[in-house]
Amino acid sequence: MSTIKLRLYIAGRTATAEKAIRNLHRIASELEQRGEELDIEVNDVLERPQLAEDERILAAPLLIKKLPPPVRRIVGDLSEQEKILIGIDLVTDKGSGDEEA
């Protein structure tokens, strides 16, 4: 089993950033309950502006799933946990009706 590497980038300790951090912890808790190994980082681009340039961050909060490939990016406060997990390819959308028979 490979480690899931998640990086959350925030721009200061705003209410939206705090909400994103709480929601990331909630998502991490669910993944850990499933037995996943996680590597999580929260970075403030106001404190480390070079990160914003290196990662080409134009909006925050921004969650980047680095591993396993492919890299995925989600902008926002991470409120919709199921959509976030689908968006970063950690669960499949079972209710979409788009699955093959």
C-alpha atoms as a PDB file:
ATOM      1  CA  MET A   1       0.000   0.000   0.000  1.00  0.00           C
ATOM      2  CA  SER A   2       1.397   3.421  -0.944  1.00  0.00           C
ATOM      3  CA  THR A   3       1.235   6.560   1.150  1.00  0.00           C
ATOM      4  CA  ILE A   4      -1.330   9.203   0.216  1.00  0.00           C
ATOM      5  CA  LYS A   5       0.407  12.582   0.184  1.00  0.00           C
ATOM      6  CA  LEU A   6      -1.912  15.563   0.650  1.00  0.00           C
ATOM      7  CA  ARG A   7      -0.782  19.189   0.759  1.00  0.00           C
ATOM      8  CA  LEU A   8      -3.124  21.960   1.825  1.00  0.00           C
ATOM      9  CA  TYR A   9      -2.094  25.490   0.935  1.00  0.00           C
ATOM     10  CA  ILE A  10      -3.751  28.385   2.751  1.00  0.00           C
ATOM     11  CA  ALA A  11      -3.239  32.156   2.628  1.00  0.00           C
ATOM     12  CA  GLY A  12      -3.272  33.273   6.256  1.00  0.00           C
ATOM     13  CA  ARG A  13      -5.395  32.083   9.151  1.00  0.00           C
ATOM     14  CA  THR A  14      -8.734  33.197   7.757  1.00  0.00           C
ATOM     15  CA  ALA A  15     -12.079  31.647   8.620  1.00  0.00           C
ATOM     16  CA  THR A  16     -12.063  29.846   5.265  1.00  0.00           C
ATOM     17  CA  ALA A  17      -8.542  28.523   5.860  1.00  0.00           C
ATOM     18  CA  GLU A  18      -9.498  27.256   9.329  1.00  0.00           C
ATOM     19  CA  LYS A  19     -12.569  25.546   7.872  1.00  0.00           C
ATOM     20  CA  ALA A  20     -10.419  23.893   5.190  1.00  0.00           C
ATOM     21  CA  ILE A  21      -7.998  22.636   7.855  1.00  0.00           C
ATOM     22  CA  ARG A  22     -10.858  21.167   9.925  1.00  0.00           C
ATOM     23  CA  ASN A  23     -12.344  19.531   6.841  1.00  0.00           C
ATOM     24  CA  LEU A  24      -8.952  18.121   5.830  1.00  0.00           C
ATOM     25  CA  HIS A  25      -8.639  16.535   9.280  1.00  0.00           C
ATOM     26  CA  ARG A  26     -12.116  15.026   8.848  1.00  0.00           C
ATOM     27  CA  ILE A  27     -11.140  13.610   5.438  1.00  0.00           C
ATOM     28  CA  ALA A  28      -7.867  12.295   6.875  1.00  0.00           C
ATOM     29  CA  SER A  29      -9.736  10.601   9.698  1.00  0.00           C
ATOM     30  CA  GLU A  30     -11.971   8.765   7.221  1.00  0.00           C
ATOM     31  CA  LEU A  31      -8.990   7.669   5.143  1.00  0.00           C
ATOM     32  CA  GLU A  32      -7.150   6.433   8.234  1.00  0.00           C
ATOM     33  CA  GLN A  33     -10.233   4.436   9.279  1.00  0.00           C
ATOM     34  CA  ARG A  34     -10.021   2.740   5.875  1.00  0.00           C
ATOM     35  CA  GLY A  35      -6.429   1.780   6.701  1.00  0.00           C
ATOM     36  CA  GLU A  36      -4.751   4.293   4.400  1.00  0.00           C
ATOM     37  CA  GLU A  37      -1.300   5.650   5.260  1.00  0.00           C
ATOM     38  CA  LEU A  38      -1.246   9.450   5.057  1.00  0.00           C
ATOM     39  CA  ASP A  39       1.348  12.174   4.787  1.00  0.00           C
ATOM     40  CA  ILE A  40      -0.391  15.528   5.317  1.00  0.00           C
ATOM     41  CA  GLU A  41       1.079  19.018   5.263  1.00  0.00           C
ATOM     42  CA  VAL A  42      -0.554  22.402   5.766  1.00  0.00           C
ATOM     43  CA  ASN A  43       1.410  25.318   4.315  1.00  0.00           C
ATOM     44  CA  ASP A  44       0.678  29.028   4.641  1.00  0.00           C
ATOM     45  CA  VAL A  45       1.808  30.727   1.435  1.00  0.00           C
ATOM     46  CA  LEU A  46       1.895  34.090   3.216  1.00  0.00           C
ATOM     47  CA  GLU A  47       4.619  32.699   5.474  1.00  0.00           C
ATOM     48  CA  ARG A  48       6.355  30.798   2.658  1.00  0.00           C
ATOM     49  CA  PRO A  49       5.608  32.680  -0.595  1.00  0.00           C
ATOM     50  CA  GLN A  50       8.116  30.641  -2.592  1.00  0.00           C
ATOM     51  CA  LEU A  51       5.773  27.652  -2.195  1.00  0.00           C
ATOM     52  CA  ALA A  52       3.022  29.509  -4.019  1.00  0.00           C
ATOM     53  CA  GLU A  53       5.364  30.180  -6.900  1.00  0.00           C
ATOM     54  CA  ASP A  54       6.833  26.664  -6.940  1.00  0.00           C
ATOM     55  CA  GLU A  55       3.393  24.998  -6.912  1.00  0.00           C
ATOM     56  CA  ARG A  56       1.807  27.650  -9.183  1.00  0.00           C
ATOM     57  CA  ILE A  57      -0.869  28.423  -6.622  1.00  0.00           C
ATOM     58  CA  LEU A  58      -3.303  31.087  -7.780  1.00  0.00           C
ATOM     59  CA  ALA A  59      -6.080  30.532  -5.232  1.00  0.00           C
ATOM     60  CA  ALA A  60      -6.285  29.297  -1.664  1.00  0.00           C
ATOM     61  CA  PRO A  61      -7.229  27.185   0.122  1.00  0.00           C
ATOM     62  CA  LEU A  62      -5.919  24.599  -2.317  1.00  0.00           C
ATOM     63  CA  LEU A  63      -5.575  20.864  -1.671  1.00  0.00           C
ATOM     64  CA  ILE A  64      -3.071  18.985  -3.802  1.00  0.00           C
ATOM     65  CA  LYS A  65      -2.921  15.202  -3.837  1.00  0.00           C
ATOM     66  CA  LYS A  66       0.698  14.460  -4.732  1.00  0.00           C
ATOM     67  CA  LEU A  67       0.623  10.669  -4.387  1.00  0.00           C
ATOM     68  CA  PRO A  68      -0.553   8.289  -5.640  1.00  0.00           C
ATOM     69  CA  PRO A  69      -0.527   9.603  -9.217  1.00  0.00           C
ATOM     70  CA  PRO A  70      -2.093  11.401 -10.914  1.00  0.00           C
ATOM     71  CA  VAL A  71      -1.684  14.718  -9.111  1.00  0.00           C
ATOM     72  CA  ARG A  72      -5.065  16.331  -8.380  1.00  0.00           C
ATOM     73  CA  ARG A  73      -5.973  19.840  -7.184  1.00  0.00           C
ATOM     74  CA  ILE A  74      -9.092  21.019  -5.378  1.00  0.00           C
ATOM     75  CA  VAL A  75      -9.748  24.676  -4.538  1.00  0.00           C
ATOM     76  CA  GLY A  76     -12.068  25.605  -1.683  1.00  0.00           C
ATOM     77  CA  ASP A  77     -12.815  24.885   1.957  1.00  0.00           C
ATOM     78  CA  LEU A  78     -13.185  21.092   1.388  1.00  0.00           C
ATOM     79  CA  SER A  79     -16.749  21.086   2.762  1.00  0.00           C
ATOM     80  CA  GLU A  80     -18.140  18.407   0.475  1.00  0.00           C
ATOM     81  CA  GLN A  81     -16.127  15.435   1.695  1.00  0.00           C
ATOM     82  CA  GLU A  82     -17.472  12.821  -0.716  1.00  0.00           C
ATOM     83  CA  LYS A  83     -16.938  15.096  -3.729  1.00  0.00           C
ATOM     84  CA  ILE A  84     -13.418  15.869  -2.526  1.00  0.00           C
ATOM     85  CA  LEU A  85     -12.552  12.163  -2.242  1.00  0.00           C
ATOM     86  CA  ILE A  86     -13.955  11.554  -5.725  1.00  0.00           C
ATOM     87  CA  GLY A  87     -12.179  14.619  -7.114  1.00  0.00           C
ATOM     88  CA  ILE A  88      -8.790  13.479  -5.877  1.00  0.00           C
ATOM     89  CA  ASP A  89      -9.374   9.894  -7.059  1.00  0.00           C
ATOM     90  CA  LEU A  90      -9.536   8.284  -3.615  1.00  0.00           C
ATOM     91  CA  VAL A  91     -13.046   6.866  -4.079  1.00  0.00           C
ATOM     92  CA  THR A  92     -15.172   6.189  -7.116  1.00  0.00           C
ATOM     93  CA  ASP A  93     -18.544   7.793  -7.747  1.00  0.00           C
ATOM     94  CA  LYS A  94     -20.858   4.838  -7.097  1.00  0.00           C
ATOM     95  CA  GLY A  95     -24.054   6.787  -7.443  1.00  0.00           C
ATOM     96  CA  SER A  96     -23.445   8.461 -10.793  1.00  0.00           C
ATOM     97  CA  GLY A  97     -24.947   5.744 -12.947  1.00  0.00           C
ATOM     98  CA  ASP A  98     -21.951   6.045 -15.279  1.00  0.00           C
ATOM     99  CA  GLU A  99     -20.363   2.731 -14.353  1.00  0.00           C
ATOM    100  CA  GLU A 100     -19.965   0.019 -16.924  1.00  0.00           C
ATOM    101  CA  ALA A 101     -21.936  -3.176 -16.451  1.00  0.00           C
END
